[in-house]
C-alpha atoms as a PDB file:
ATOM      1  CA  UNK A   1      77.512 271.609 145.333  1.00  0.00           C
ATOM      2  CA  UNK A   2      78.947 269.068 142.866  1.00  0.00           C
ATOM      3  CA  UNK A   3      78.793 269.508 138.714  1.00  0.00           C
ATOM      4  CA  UNK A   4      79.716 265.850 138.140  1.00  0.00           C
ATOM      5  CA  UNK A   5      77.016 264.282 136.370  1.00  0.00           C
ATOM      6  CA  UNK A   6      74.313 262.121 138.909  1.00  0.00           C
ATOM      7  CA  UNK A   7      72.378 259.643 137.453  1.00  0.00           C
ATOM      8  CA  UNK A   8      69.873 257.440 139.892  1.00  0.00           C
ATOM      9  CA  UNK A   9      68.979 253.627 139.020  1.00  0.00           C
ATOM     10  CA  UNK A  10      65.670 253.394 140.709  1.00  0.00           C
ATOM     11  CA  UNK A  11      62.377 251.665 141.315  1.00  0.00           C
ATOM     12  CA  UNK A  12      58.867 253.376 141.297  1.00  0.00           C
ATOM     13  CA  UNK A  13      57.894 251.613 144.112  1.00  0.00           C
ATOM     14  CA  UNK A  14      61.070 251.597 146.559  1.00  0.00           C
ATOM     15  CA  UNK A  15      60.844 254.005 149.804  1.00  0.00           C
ATOM     16  CA  UNK A  16      64.933 254.212 149.606  1.00  0.00           C
ATOM     17  CA  UNK A  17      64.695 255.131 145.974  1.00  0.00           C
ATOM     18  CA  UNK A  18      61.883 258.340 147.454  1.00  0.00           C
ATOM     19  CA  UNK A  19      64.204 259.094 149.922  1.00  0.00           C
ATOM     20  CA  UNK A  20      67.204 259.319 147.582  1.00  0.00           C
ATOM     21  CA  UNK A  21      65.154 261.466 144.962  1.00  0.00           C
ATOM     22  CA  UNK A  22      63.988 263.846 147.995  1.00  0.00           C
ATOM     23  CA  UNK A  23      67.653 264.165 149.078  1.00  0.00           C
ATOM     24  CA  UNK A  24      68.828 264.744 145.985  1.00  0.00           C
ATOM     25  CA  UNK A  25      65.881 267.675 145.441  1.00  0.00           C
ATOM     26  CA  UNK A  26      66.702 268.720 148.790  1.00  0.00           C
ATOM     27  CA  UNK A  27      70.245 269.479 147.421  1.00  0.00           C
ATOM     28  CA  UNK A  28      69.565 271.117 144.589  1.00  0.00           C
ATOM     29  CA  UNK A  29      71.023 268.544 142.275  1.00  0.00           C
ATOM     30  CA  UNK A  30      70.231 268.035 138.486  1.00  0.00           C
ATOM     31  CA  UNK A  31      70.056 264.340 138.431  1.00  0.00           C
ATOM     32  CA  UNK A  32      69.301 261.892 135.891  1.00  0.00           C
ATOM     33  CA  UNK A  33      66.645 259.041 137.148  1.00  0.00           C
ATOM     34  CA  UNK A  34      65.573 255.716 135.327  1.00  0.00           C
ATOM     35  CA  UNK A  35      62.573 253.722 137.515  1.00  0.00           C
ATOM     36  CA  UNK A  36      63.490 250.444 135.850  1.00  0.00           C
ATOM     37  CA  UNK A  37      60.261 248.289 136.848  1.00  0.00           C
ATOM     38  CA  UNK A  38      58.306 251.288 134.964  1.00  0.00           C
ATOM     39  CA  UNK A  39      60.352 249.682 131.866  1.00  0.00           C
ATOM     40  CA  UNK A  40      58.833 247.093 129.175  1.00  0.00           C
ATOM     41  CA  UNK A  41      60.949 244.601 127.297  1.00  0.00           C
ATOM     42  CA  UNK A  42      64.031 244.899 126.125  1.00  0.00           C
ATOM     43  CA  UNK A  43      64.599 248.324 126.952  1.00  0.00           C
ATOM     44  CA  UNK A  44      64.092 247.264 130.897  1.00  0.00           C
ATOM     45  CA  UNK A  45      66.304 244.206 130.114  1.00  0.00           C
ATOM     46  CA  UNK A  46      69.148 246.600 128.899  1.00  0.00           C
ATOM     47  CA  UNK A  47      68.528 248.936 132.229  1.00  0.00           C
ATOM     48  CA  UNK A  48      68.726 245.940 134.218  1.00  0.00           C
ATOM     49  CA  UNK A  49      72.328 244.854 132.279  1.00  0.00           C
ATOM     50  CA  UNK A  50      73.453 248.442 132.837  1.00  0.00           C
ATOM     51  CA  UNK A  51      72.686 248.405 136.413  1.00  0.00           C
ATOM     52  CA  UNK A  52      75.298 245.058 137.134  1.00  0.00           C
ATOM     53  CA  UNK A  53      77.760 246.862 135.575  1.00  0.00           C
ATOM     54  CA  UNK A  54      77.988 249.086 138.052  1.00  0.00           C
ATOM     55  CA  UNK A  55      76.278 246.929 141.050  1.00  0.00           C
ATOM     56  CA  UNK A  56      76.285 243.395 140.028  1.00  0.00           C
ATOM     57  CA  UNK A  57      73.438 242.266 142.645  1.00  0.00           C
ATOM     58  CA  UNK A  58      71.516 245.199 140.824  1.00  0.00           C
ATOM     59  CA  UNK A  59      69.951 246.554 143.809  1.00  0.00           C
ATOM     60  CA  UNK A  60      67.941 249.660 144.213  1.00  0.00           C
ATOM     61  CA  UNK A  61      68.645 252.638 144.622  1.00  0.00           C
ATOM     62  CA  UNK A  62      71.906 252.550 142.600  1.00  0.00           C
ATOM     63  CA  UNK A  63      73.627 256.470 142.684  1.00  0.00           C
ATOM     64  CA  UNK A  64      76.717 257.094 140.115  1.00  0.00           C
ATOM     65  CA  UNK A  65      78.115 260.644 141.193  1.00  0.00           C
ATOM     66  CA  UNK A  66      80.820 260.874 138.758  1.00  0.00           C
ATOM     67  CA  UNK A  67      82.676 257.987 138.721  1.00  0.00           C
ATOM     68  CA  UNK A  68      81.681 256.589 142.230  1.00  0.00           C
ATOM     69  CA  UNK A  69      78.795 254.326 142.679  1.00  0.00           C
ATOM     70  CA  UNK A  70      76.810 254.524 145.377  1.00  0.00           C
ATOM     71  CA  UNK A  71      74.153 251.393 146.676  1.00  0.00           C
ATOM     72  CA  UNK A  72      71.809 252.389 148.968  1.00  0.00           C
ATOM     73  CA  UNK A  73      70.211 255.388 150.272  1.00  0.00           C
ATOM     74  CA  UNK A  74      73.221 256.367 151.906  1.00  0.00           C
ATOM     75  CA  UNK A  75      73.176 259.862 152.953  1.00  0.00           C
ATOM     76  CA  UNK A  76      76.222 260.539 153.897  1.00  0.00           C
ATOM     77  CA  UNK A  77      78.003 259.117 151.251  1.00  0.00           C
ATOM     78  CA  UNK A  78      75.798 260.886 148.861  1.00  0.00           C
ATOM     79  CA  UNK A  79      76.948 264.049 150.155  1.00  0.00           C
ATOM     80  CA  UNK A  80      80.237 263.422 150.637  1.00  0.00           C
ATOM     81  CA  UNK A  81      80.503 262.337 146.991  1.00  0.00           C
ATOM     82  CA  UNK A  82      78.475 265.277 145.978  1.00  0.00           C
ATOM     83  CA  UNK A  83      81.245 267.641 147.865  1.00  0.00           C
ATOM     84  CA  UNK A  84      83.833 266.404 146.095  1.00  0.00           C
END
């Protein structure tokens, strides 16, 4: 599996984000996850700005695998990026 860093920007209440987390866990992938909706104040605003750098629409989940950005739970794209 991938040795690239994986970062997931998610919402704690989003079913697509949950599916993404479950899929990454099933694949045994180590990843850093930020549930943006659980943050407060300036920390939350800073994280939203960070997400917008990769995904201007600021939709969730936003997944970074190495330098590849995947928006939404796109299992095939995630798998492909992990295997590259």
